[in-house]
């Protein structure tokens, strides 16, 4: 079966939860893509969706400049679900009325008790009362002809409405977020019971389809991949390997900023694959370029630029290739301007960093339509070891942005050992909800006492966060006995650290990384 036979289209109106909608649809087992609301109608038709979801957004539908859609979407004869702004847009477009909050006592934000008509098509599989997550200042005052109300809350008389004759459904709340207690079941009902999806999207199917597509595309050509050792590039390399074998050359640029033993692990894994594997030991080159640099963005840019230059130099030795392979994943596509207005918090070393002088004809991005959890599952399907596919997010600049201030070989050695101890103990303790955890070597020194002597050494910060999507995160409540063991081991086993602190800041206001 082609994994893309069943397709759902999500039109994005700027919702902060746009990726969550897509992830929930994929979790149900249905392929979907997130596109900007301005997608031309002809392309919507060409995409061939079995259902359309209209996302939330920050605008008011009655504003002249607010995002609108082509009304022909409502004439396609397929189910449509509007969420938050999408619900208001459906009502407004089809003849209903949407009003601002100051004309009704209807501003709702956060957890909201909501009552449902369980005889409705959309809510037939959930409780009659449940908690939903609201985030709206406007509200539907009148629903269009042919619709009926199927949910309400204290401040929202039309928290849900439907037109079963046309298969149009709308909810004012956000079913995609986990705070909506039965939101997943609502989405499942819409997609499977109403739209008739069979939920056959899986990584096993994706792997087979992708391999055949890559084989057909590459043919007798050659491909080149910059292997960083991270999850994305490693899975891309494994997938390409199964498709084209020795036609693929993987260039692993070891910049000397990886975690403990990771460079050797990458080489060991891919030495067993039928690809041409080239390891470039460029540690001294990168350290020379980073000497004296303390500003985080400058570190990132230097590492990004030099990575490309080293890769280009190696690629020239290989000669002309037909395809350049990149480990781009779906969040990269969305966040690079697909239709959102997300602010740039910090630069990524590979954004806009296509090698200018590598001689290739075309780019292949075999993971372009996958979320991170799907990439990990694909890696398992491809037989990559669990320690690699479950590896935590690791920034492209590596430990350079976990060493505060100037980077030296001594600091990197200290951080590698301390970070390894911390990660090992968290994993051994099986700390629940620990999504990402690492150490940061600060530029702060303080007085300490070790043995009978006074010390003046570095302060190490420990960071562990809990999150489902990395858009928001809370600090993980690591048990004190685990933290105590980590602290004891580090100060006794790693030289030049005499003080350890634990970062208890959420995201926002902080980011997960320190730099």
Protein backbone atom coordinates (compact mmCIF):
# COMPACT_ATOMS: atom_id res chain seq x y z
CA UNK A 1 0.00 0.00 0.00
CA UNK A 2 1.20 3.51 -0.74
CA UNK A 3 1.32 5.22 2.64
CA UNK A 4 0.10 8.45 1.07
CA UNK A 5 -3.22 7.14 -0.29
CA UNK A 6 -5.11 8.59 2.67
CA UNK A 7 -4.20 12.26 3.01
CA UNK A 8 -5.49 14.99 5.29
CA UNK A 9 -4.74 18.65 4.60
CA UNK A 10 -4.31 21.07 7.51
CA UNK A 11 -4.55 24.72 6.53
CA UNK A 12 -2.59 26.91 8.94
CA UNK A 13 -3.83 30.34 10.02
CA UNK A 14 -0.92 31.03 12.36
CA UNK A 15 -1.86 28.82 15.29
CA UNK A 16 0.77 28.28 17.97
CA UNK A 17 -0.46 24.66 17.97
CA UNK A 18 -0.26 24.03 14.21
CA UNK A 19 2.38 21.32 14.50
CA UNK A 20 0.44 19.61 17.27
CA UNK A 21 -2.57 19.15 15.02
CA UNK A 22 -0.42 17.45 12.41
CA UNK A 23 1.30 15.28 15.01
CA UNK A 24 -2.02 14.09 16.45
CA UNK A 25 -3.31 13.18 12.99
CA UNK A 26 -0.13 11.21 12.30
CA UNK A 27 -0.42 9.51 15.73
CA UNK A 28 -3.87 8.29 14.73
CA UNK A 29 -2.19 6.65 11.76
CA UNK A 30 -3.15 9.00 8.93
CA UNK A 31 -0.79 10.93 6.68
CA UNK A 32 -1.26 14.69 6.70
CA UNK A 33 0.51 17.83 5.61
CA UNK A 34 0.42 21.33 7.06
CA UNK A 35 0.11 24.10 4.46
CA UNK A 36 -0.43 27.86 4.63
CA UNK A 37 -4.02 29.10 4.41
CA UNK A 38 -3.07 30.86 1.16
CA UNK A 39 -2.53 27.56 -0.67
CA UNK A 40 -4.19 28.01 -4.09
CA UNK A 41 -7.40 26.05 -4.57
CA UNK A 42 -5.99 24.25 -7.60
CA UNK A 43 -3.13 22.92 -5.46
CA UNK A 44 -5.59 21.86 -2.76
CA UNK A 45 -7.45 19.88 -5.38
CA UNK A 46 -4.20 18.44 -6.67
CA UNK A 47 -3.20 17.35 -3.18
CA UNK A 48 -6.37 15.22 -3.10
CA UNK A 49 -7.27 15.38 0.61
CA UNK A 50 -9.89 13.07 2.07
CA UNK A 51 -10.57 15.73 4.73
CA UNK A 52 -9.48 19.26 5.60
CA UNK A 53 -8.74 20.75 9.01
CA UNK A 54 -8.72 24.53 9.48
CA UNK A 55 -6.33 25.49 12.29
CA UNK A 56 -6.59 28.17 14.94
CA UNK A 57 -4.94 31.55 14.63
CA UNK A 58 -4.47 34.92 16.35
CA UNK A 59 -6.70 37.00 14.04
CA UNK A 60 -10.34 38.10 14.15
CA UNK A 61 -12.29 36.85 11.15
CA UNK A 62 -14.27 40.08 10.81
CA UNK A 63 -11.10 42.17 10.34
CA UNK A 64 -10.59 43.18 6.73
CA UNK A 65 -6.99 41.92 6.64
CA UNK A 66 -7.58 38.67 8.49
CA UNK A 67 -6.68 35.44 6.65
CA UNK A 68 -9.47 33.96 4.56
CA UNK A 69 -9.87 30.87 2.39
CA UNK A 70 -11.27 30.08 -1.01
CA UNK A 71 -14.96 29.29 -0.45
CA UNK A 72 -14.73 26.50 -3.01
CA UNK A 73 -13.19 24.40 -0.23
CA UNK A 74 -16.74 24.05 1.12
CA UNK A 75 -17.91 22.72 -2.25
CA UNK A 76 -15.42 19.84 -2.53
CA UNK A 77 -17.76 17.33 -0.91
CA UNK A 78 -15.24 16.24 1.75
CA UNK A 79 -15.40 16.59 5.56
CA UNK A 80 -14.06 19.85 7.02
CA UNK A 81 -13.19 20.46 10.67
CA UNK A 82 -12.61 24.00 11.94
CA UNK A 83 -10.61 24.52 15.15
CA UNK A 84 -10.76 27.82 17.11
CA UNK A 85 -10.14 30.48 14.43
CA UNK A 86 -10.96 27.78 11.87
CA UNK A 87 -14.37 27.30 13.54
CA UNK A 88 -15.04 31.03 13.51
CA UNK A 89 -13.92 31.25 9.89
CA UNK A 90 -16.29 28.44 8.93
CA UNK A 91 -19.18 30.17 10.68
CA UNK A 92 -18.32 33.59 9.24
CA UNK A 93 -17.77 32.33 5.68
CA UNK A 94 -21.01 30.32 5.59
CA UNK A 95 -23.28 33.08 6.89
CA UNK A 96 -22.94 33.02 10.67
CA UNK A 97 -21.84 35.84 12.93
CA UNK A 98 -18.66 36.23 14.99
CA UNK A 99 -18.35 38.97 17.60
CA UNK A 100 -15.52 40.34 19.75
CA UNK A 101 -15.25 39.53 23.43
CA UNK A 102 -16.36 42.89 24.74
CA UNK A 103 -19.88 42.34 23.38
CA UNK A 104 -20.32 39.00 25.15
CA UNK A 105 -19.00 37.56 28.41
CA UNK A 106 -17.15 34.98 26.42
CA UNK A 107 -13.40 35.41 26.81
CA UNK A 108 -12.02 32.02 27.78
CA UNK A 109 -8.41 30.97 28.21
CA UNK A 110 -7.13 27.68 29.55
CA UNK A 111 -8.95 24.76 31.15
CA UNK A 112 -12.70 25.06 30.63
CA UNK A 113 -15.52 22.74 31.63
CA UNK A 114 -17.50 21.97 28.49
CA UNK A 115 -20.75 20.07 27.89
CA UNK A 116 -21.25 17.93 24.79
CA UNK A 117 -24.20 16.54 22.85
CA UNK A 118 -23.18 12.88 22.74
CA UNK A 119 -25.84 12.18 20.12
CA UNK A 120 -23.84 14.27 17.67
CA UNK A 121 -21.61 12.67 15.04
CA UNK A 122 -18.47 14.34 16.41
CA UNK A 123 -18.94 13.74 20.13
CA UNK A 124 -20.62 10.33 20.15
CA UNK A 125 -17.55 8.61 21.64
CA UNK A 126 -16.81 10.96 24.55
CA UNK A 127 -18.32 11.97 27.90
CA UNK A 128 -21.16 14.45 28.16
CA UNK A 129 -18.97 16.70 30.34
CA UNK A 130 -15.23 17.13 30.00
CA UNK A 131 -12.36 19.63 30.21
CA UNK A 132 -11.27 21.44 27.06
CA UNK A 133 -8.52 23.96 26.39
CA UNK A 134 -9.91 27.31 25.23
CA UNK A 135 -7.96 30.26 23.88
CA UNK A 136 -10.27 32.82 22.29
CA UNK A 137 -11.35 36.40 22.63
CA UNK A 138 -13.93 36.28 19.84
CA UNK A 139 -16.93 33.98 19.80
CA UNK A 140 -19.56 32.71 17.39
CA UNK A 141 -22.80 34.54 18.18
CA UNK A 142 -24.88 32.91 15.42
CA UNK A 143 -24.15 29.71 13.55
CA UNK A 144 -24.95 29.41 9.82
CA UNK A 145 -28.18 27.91 8.50
CA UNK A 146 -28.09 24.11 8.43
CA UNK A 147 -25.82 23.87 11.50
CA UNK A 148 -26.77 22.88 15.02
CA UNK A 149 -25.01 23.48 18.34
CA UNK A 150 -23.40 20.37 19.80
CA UNK A 151 -21.27 21.76 22.67
CA UNK A 152 -21.24 24.72 25.02
CA UNK A 153 -19.37 26.15 27.99
CA UNK A 154 -20.23 28.89 30.48
CA UNK A 155 -18.82 31.59 28.23
CA UNK A 156 -19.26 30.01 24.79
CA UNK A 157 -22.74 28.99 23.59
CA UNK A 158 -21.31 27.46 20.42
CA UNK A 159 -18.25 25.56 21.64
CA UNK A 160 -19.08 23.01 18.94
CA UNK A 161 -21.44 22.97 15.95
CA UNK A 162 -22.01 20.72 12.97
CA UNK A 163 -23.77 20.35 9.64
CA UNK A 164 -23.92 16.58 9.13
CA UNK A 165 -25.55 16.89 5.70
CA UNK A 166 -22.41 18.59 4.39
CA UNK A 167 -19.94 16.99 6.79
CA UNK A 168 -18.84 20.31 8.28
CA UNK A 169 -17.76 20.37 11.93
CA UNK A 170 -16.37 23.08 14.18
CA UNK A 171 -14.97 23.33 17.71
CA UNK A 172 -14.02 26.52 19.54
CA UNK A 173 -11.52 24.68 21.76
CA UNK A 174 -8.23 22.96 20.87
CA UNK A 175 -8.63 19.16 20.66
CA UNK A 176 -4.98 18.76 19.63
CA UNK A 177 -3.53 19.79 23.03
CA UNK A 178 -3.33 17.29 25.86
CA UNK A 179 -5.18 19.65 28.22
CA UNK A 180 -8.34 18.81 26.27
CA UNK A 181 -9.05 15.56 28.03
CA UNK A 182 -10.80 13.74 25.18
CA UNK A 183 -9.39 15.74 22.29
CA UNK A 184 -7.56 12.81 20.73
CA UNK A 185 -10.81 10.82 20.56
CA UNK A 186 -12.61 13.78 18.97
CA UNK A 187 -9.97 13.98 16.23
CA UNK A 188 -10.05 10.19 15.80
CA UNK A 189 -13.85 10.27 15.43
CA UNK A 190 -13.67 13.01 12.81
CA UNK A 191 -11.00 11.28 10.76
CA UNK A 192 -12.03 7.65 11.05
CA UNK A 193 -15.78 7.58 11.74
CA UNK A 194 -16.75 10.67 9.73
CA UNK A 195 -14.05 10.90 7.03
CA UNK A 196 -13.69 7.12 6.78
CA UNK A 197 -9.90 6.89 7.11
CA UNK A 198 -8.47 3.41 7.72
CA UNK A 199 -5.37 4.68 9.57
CA UNK A 200 -2.74 2.80 7.56
CA UNK A 201 0.06 5.35 7.81
CA UNK A 202 3.10 3.74 9.46
CA UNK A 203 6.86 3.95 9.33
CA UNK A 204 7.02 0.41 7.96
CA UNK A 205 4.95 1.53 4.97
CA UNK A 206 6.85 4.80 4.69
CA UNK A 207 10.19 2.96 4.59
CA UNK A 208 9.13 0.71 1.72
CA UNK A 209 7.62 3.56 -0.27
CA UNK A 210 10.59 5.88 0.33
CA UNK A 211 13.14 3.23 -0.70
CA UNK A 212 11.34 2.63 -3.99
CA UNK A 213 11.06 6.38 -4.65
CA UNK A 214 14.75 6.94 -3.92
CA UNK A 215 15.79 4.06 -6.17
CA UNK A 216 13.69 5.43 -9.02
CA UNK A 217 15.00 8.97 -8.53
CA UNK A 218 18.72 8.18 -8.18
CA UNK A 219 18.88 5.46 -10.81
CA UNK A 220 22.53 5.05 -11.78
CA UNK A 221 23.49 8.38 -10.20
CA UNK A 222 25.62 9.12 -7.14
CA UNK A 223 24.60 10.81 -3.89
CA UNK A 224 26.52 12.69 -1.20
CA UNK A 225 25.40 13.18 2.41
CA UNK A 226 26.89 15.30 5.20
CA UNK A 227 26.64 13.03 8.22
CA UNK A 228 26.64 14.90 11.53
CA UNK A 229 26.03 11.85 13.70
CA UNK A 230 22.69 13.20 14.91
CA UNK A 231 19.42 11.31 14.61
CA UNK A 232 18.19 13.00 11.43
CA UNK A 233 21.30 12.66 9.28
CA UNK A 234 21.92 9.12 10.57
CA UNK A 235 18.40 7.96 9.69
CA UNK A 236 18.67 9.65 6.29
CA UNK A 237 21.97 7.84 5.70
CA UNK A 238 20.52 4.46 6.71
CA UNK A 239 17.49 4.96 4.47
CA UNK A 240 19.59 6.03 1.49
CA UNK A 241 21.93 3.10 2.14
CA UNK A 242 19.11 0.58 1.89
CA UNK A 243 17.95 2.24 -1.31
CA UNK A 244 21.19 2.81 -3.23
CA UNK A 245 24.05 1.23 -1.25
CA UNK A 246 27.53 2.17 -2.52
CA UNK A 247 26.15 4.92 -4.73
CA UNK A 248 26.00 6.93 -1.49
CA UNK A 249 29.04 8.65 0.05
CA UNK A 250 28.69 9.83 3.65
CA UNK A 251 31.09 12.53 4.81
CA UNK A 252 31.28 12.76 8.60
CA UNK A 253 32.87 16.03 9.66
CA UNK A 254 34.06 15.51 13.24
CA UNK A 255 34.40 19.06 14.56
CA UNK A 256 35.52 17.88 17.99
CA UNK A 257 32.41 19.26 19.70
CA UNK A 258 30.49 16.01 20.11
CA UNK A 259 29.60 14.29 23.38
CA UNK A 260 31.75 11.58 24.93
CA UNK A 261 32.66 8.80 22.43
CA UNK A 262 30.02 9.88 19.87
CA UNK A 263 32.39 10.31 16.96
CA UNK A 264 33.70 6.76 17.33
CA UNK A 265 30.14 5.42 17.69
CA UNK A 266 29.09 7.02 14.41
CA UNK A 267 32.08 5.54 12.59
CA UNK A 268 31.45 2.10 14.09
CA UNK A 269 27.79 2.08 13.03
CA UNK A 270 28.29 3.18 9.43
CA UNK A 271 31.38 1.09 8.83
CA UNK A 272 28.92 -1.82 8.70
CA UNK A 273 26.77 -0.21 5.99
CA UNK A 274 27.39 -0.69 2.26
CA UNK A 275 28.16 3.00 1.78
CA UNK A 276 31.37 4.92 1.21
CA UNK A 277 32.12 6.44 4.63
CA UNK A 278 34.61 9.28 5.02
CA UNK A 279 35.52 10.65 8.47
CA UNK A 280 37.17 14.05 8.49
CA UNK A 281 38.98 14.75 11.76
CA UNK A 282 38.76 18.54 11.81
CA UNK A 283 38.99 19.19 15.53
CA UNK A 284 42.07 21.42 15.34
CA UNK A 285 40.62 23.42 12.45
CA UNK A 286 37.47 24.26 14.42
CA UNK A 287 39.33 25.02 17.66
CA UNK A 288 41.61 27.44 15.81
CA UNK A 289 38.60 29.25 14.33
CA UNK A 290 36.84 29.43 17.71
CA UNK A 291 39.85 30.66 19.68
CA UNK A 292 38.91 33.69 21.78
CA UNK A 293 35.24 33.69 20.68
CA UNK A 294 32.72 34.04 23.51
CA UNK A 295 29.51 35.36 21.90
CA UNK A 296 26.97 32.53 21.32
CA UNK A 297 25.69 33.61 17.90
CA UNK A 298 29.24 34.13 16.66
CA UNK A 299 30.10 30.60 17.78
CA UNK A 300 27.13 29.23 15.86
CA UNK A 301 27.96 31.12 12.69
CA UNK A 302 31.63 30.15 12.74
CA UNK A 303 30.78 26.49 13.24
CA UNK A 304 28.12 26.58 10.52
CA UNK A 305 30.38 28.30 8.04
CA UNK A 306 33.37 26.11 8.75
CA UNK A 307 31.30 22.93 8.63
CA UNK A 308 30.29 23.87 5.10
CA UNK A 309 33.83 24.79 4.09
CA UNK A 310 35.28 21.51 5.41
CA UNK A 311 32.48 19.55 3.78
CA UNK A 312 33.04 21.36 0.47
CA UNK A 313 36.77 20.61 0.55
CA UNK A 314 36.07 16.92 1.04
CA UNK A 315 33.34 16.93 -1.59
CA UNK A 316 35.76 18.34 -4.18
CA UNK A 317 37.96 15.30 -3.66
CA UNK A 318 34.98 13.09 -4.50
CA UNK A 319 34.08 15.02 -7.62
CA UNK A 320 30.71 15.60 -9.25
CA UNK A 321 27.69 13.90 -7.75
CA UNK A 322 24.11 13.86 -8.93
CA UNK A 323 22.35 14.35 -5.61
CA UNK A 324 23.06 16.08 -2.30
CA UNK A 325 21.16 14.41 0.56
CA UNK A 326 19.96 16.46 3.53
CA UNK A 327 18.36 15.33 6.79
CA UNK A 328 15.70 18.06 6.73
CA UNK A 329 12.62 17.09 8.79
CA UNK A 330 9.09 18.47 8.77
CA UNK A 331 9.45 20.97 11.66
CA UNK A 332 12.42 22.47 9.76
CA UNK A 333 10.15 22.98 6.76
CA UNK A 334 7.37 24.51 8.85
CA UNK A 335 9.62 26.78 10.91
CA UNK A 336 11.56 28.06 7.92
CA UNK A 337 8.63 30.14 6.82
CA UNK A 338 6.02 27.76 5.46
CA UNK A 339 3.29 30.10 6.62
CA UNK A 340 3.96 30.82 10.26
CA UNK A 341 5.22 34.08 11.67
CA UNK A 342 7.45 32.47 14.27
CA UNK A 343 10.26 34.64 15.58
CA UNK A 344 13.84 33.55 15.11
CA UNK A 345 15.08 32.82 18.62
CA UNK A 346 18.57 31.70 17.62
CA UNK A 347 20.20 30.64 14.40
CA UNK A 348 20.77 27.02 13.47
CA UNK A 349 24.06 26.08 11.89
CA UNK A 350 22.42 24.46 8.88
CA UNK A 351 19.68 26.97 8.07
CA UNK A 352 20.35 28.50 4.69
CA UNK A 353 23.65 26.67 4.66
CA UNK A 354 23.58 24.79 1.39
CA UNK A 355 27.11 24.27 0.10
CA UNK A 356 27.55 26.78 -2.70
CA UNK A 357 30.38 25.06 -4.49
CA UNK A 358 29.55 21.37 -4.25
CA UNK A 359 28.91 20.09 -7.75
CA UNK A 360 25.47 18.46 -7.61
CA UNK A 361 22.32 18.57 -9.71
CA UNK A 362 19.52 18.11 -7.22
CA UNK A 363 18.73 17.81 -3.51
CA UNK A 364 17.08 14.78 -1.90
CA UNK A 365 15.40 15.25 1.48
CA UNK A 366 14.04 11.79 2.35
CA UNK A 367 12.77 12.83 5.81
CA UNK A 368 11.21 16.11 4.73
CA UNK A 369 7.66 15.08 5.66
CA UNK A 370 8.42 13.41 9.01
CA UNK A 371 8.24 14.68 12.57
CA UNK A 372 11.06 13.85 14.99
CA UNK A 373 9.24 10.96 16.67
CA UNK A 374 8.52 9.49 13.22
CA UNK A 375 12.18 9.84 12.23
CA UNK A 376 13.14 7.87 15.35
CA UNK A 377 10.63 5.15 14.54
CA UNK A 378 11.89 4.99 10.96
CA UNK A 379 15.39 4.54 12.34
CA UNK A 380 14.19 1.53 14.30
CA UNK A 381 12.56 0.12 11.18
CA UNK A 382 15.90 0.53 9.42
CA UNK A 383 17.75 -1.38 12.15
CA UNK A 384 19.74 1.48 13.69
CA UNK A 385 20.74 0.91 17.34
CA UNK A 386 18.37 2.24 20.00
CA UNK A 387 21.02 4.44 21.63
CA UNK A 388 21.28 6.38 18.37
CA UNK A 389 17.62 6.69 17.41
CA UNK A 390 16.57 7.65 20.96
CA UNK A 391 19.44 10.11 21.31
CA UNK A 392 18.33 13.41 22.78
CA UNK A 393 18.23 16.56 20.69
CA UNK A 394 21.75 17.87 20.25
CA UNK A 395 22.49 21.27 18.71
CA UNK A 396 24.51 21.45 15.51
CA UNK A 397 27.23 23.55 17.19
CA UNK A 398 27.48 20.78 19.78
CA UNK A 399 29.23 21.40 23.08
CA UNK A 400 30.40 24.81 21.85
CA UNK A 401 27.15 26.32 23.11
CA UNK A 402 27.22 24.31 26.34
CA UNK A 403 30.58 25.79 27.25
CA UNK A 404 29.83 29.35 28.31
CA UNK A 405 32.49 31.79 27.20
CA UNK A 406 35.67 30.85 25.36
CA UNK A 407 36.04 27.24 24.26
CA UNK A 408 39.20 25.34 25.12
CA UNK A 409 40.19 21.69 24.91
CA UNK A 410 40.37 21.58 28.71
CA UNK A 411 36.82 22.90 29.10
CA UNK A 412 35.49 20.45 26.53
CA UNK A 413 37.14 17.54 28.32
CA UNK A 414 35.66 18.64 31.65
CA UNK A 415 32.19 19.02 30.17
CA UNK A 416 32.24 15.70 28.29
CA UNK A 417 32.98 13.72 31.45
CA UNK A 418 30.54 15.63 33.65
CA UNK A 419 27.78 15.46 31.04
CA UNK A 420 28.30 11.71 30.60
CA UNK A 421 27.98 11.10 34.36
CA UNK A 422 24.79 13.16 34.59
CA UNK A 423 23.13 11.51 31.60
CA UNK A 424 24.15 8.04 32.77
CA UNK A 425 22.68 8.52 36.26
CA UNK A 426 19.39 9.99 34.97
CA UNK A 427 19.03 7.04 32.60
CA UNK A 428 19.93 4.51 35.30
CA UNK A 429 17.36 6.04 37.66
CA UNK A 430 14.70 5.94 34.92
CA UNK A 431 13.55 9.44 35.86
CA UNK A 432 9.99 9.81 34.51
CA UNK A 433 9.18 12.66 32.16
CA UNK A 434 12.88 13.41 31.52
CA UNK A 435 12.82 14.50 27.88
CA UNK A 436 16.25 16.09 27.56
CA UNK A 437 19.09 16.37 30.06
CA UNK A 438 22.64 17.66 29.81
CA UNK A 439 25.35 19.61 31.61
CA UNK A 440 26.55 23.16 30.95
CA UNK A 441 30.00 24.36 31.95
CA UNK A 442 29.50 27.92 33.11
CA UNK A 443 32.14 30.62 33.00
CA UNK A 444 31.70 31.20 36.73
CA UNK A 445 34.34 30.13 39.22
CA UNK A 446 33.82 30.00 42.96
CA UNK A 447 35.69 29.15 46.12
CA UNK A 448 35.48 25.62 47.44
CA UNK A 449 37.19 23.24 49.85
CA UNK A 450 38.39 19.86 48.66
CA UNK A 451 40.49 17.78 51.03
CA UNK A 452 42.45 20.22 53.16
CA UNK A 453 42.86 22.81 50.47
CA UNK A 454 41.06 25.80 49.05
CA UNK A 455 39.89 25.53 45.43
CA UNK A 456 38.77 28.10 42.91
CA UNK A 457 37.08 26.15 40.13
CA UNK A 458 34.17 26.01 37.71
CA UNK A 459 30.47 25.88 38.50
CA UNK A 460 28.60 23.21 36.49
CA UNK A 461 24.91 23.62 35.70
CA UNK A 462 22.61 20.65 35.17
CA UNK A 463 19.56 21.01 32.91
CA UNK A 464 16.70 18.50 32.61
CA UNK A 465 13.34 19.35 31.04
CA UNK A 466 10.02 17.62 30.54
CA UNK A 467 8.10 18.32 27.35
CA UNK A 468 5.95 16.70 24.70
CA UNK A 469 6.82 19.04 21.84
CA UNK A 470 9.84 21.19 22.87
CA UNK A 471 7.79 24.31 22.15
CA UNK A 472 7.18 24.61 25.89
CA UNK A 473 8.93 22.77 28.70
CA UNK A 474 9.10 22.54 32.48
CA UNK A 475 12.09 21.55 34.58
CA UNK A 476 12.02 17.88 35.58
CA UNK A 477 11.57 17.06 39.27
CA UNK A 478 14.61 14.80 39.54
CA UNK A 479 14.64 13.05 42.95
CA UNK A 480 17.09 14.60 45.39
CA UNK A 481 18.92 11.32 45.92
CA UNK A 482 19.66 11.14 42.17
CA UNK A 483 20.90 14.73 42.12
CA UNK A 484 23.00 14.05 45.20
CA UNK A 485 24.62 11.03 43.55
CA UNK A 486 25.32 13.00 40.37
CA UNK A 487 26.88 15.83 42.35
CA UNK A 488 29.02 13.48 44.42
CA UNK A 489 30.31 11.62 41.37
CA UNK A 490 31.10 14.71 39.32
CA UNK A 491 33.03 16.60 41.99
CA UNK A 492 34.98 13.44 42.84
CA UNK A 493 35.59 12.13 39.31
CA UNK A 494 35.89 15.26 37.17
CA UNK A 495 38.69 17.75 37.87
CA UNK A 496 38.17 21.52 38.10
CA UNK A 497 34.50 21.43 39.20
CA UNK A 498 33.71 22.32 42.80
CA UNK A 499 30.10 23.50 42.61
CA UNK A 500 26.98 22.14 40.89
CA UNK A 501 23.64 23.90 40.39
CA UNK A 502 20.34 22.67 38.93
CA UNK A 503 18.42 24.84 36.45
CA UNK A 504 14.75 25.07 37.49
CA UNK A 505 13.59 27.50 34.78
CA UNK A 506 10.70 26.68 32.44
CA UNK A 507 10.50 27.39 28.70
CA UNK A 508 9.39 30.12 28.33
CA UNK A 509 10.91 32.35 29.67
CA UNK A 510 14.15 30.41 29.19
CA UNK A 511 15.15 28.29 26.22
CA UNK A 512 16.15 24.66 26.73
CA UNK A 513 19.76 25.38 25.77
CA UNK A 514 21.70 28.07 27.62
CA UNK A 515 23.13 29.63 24.47
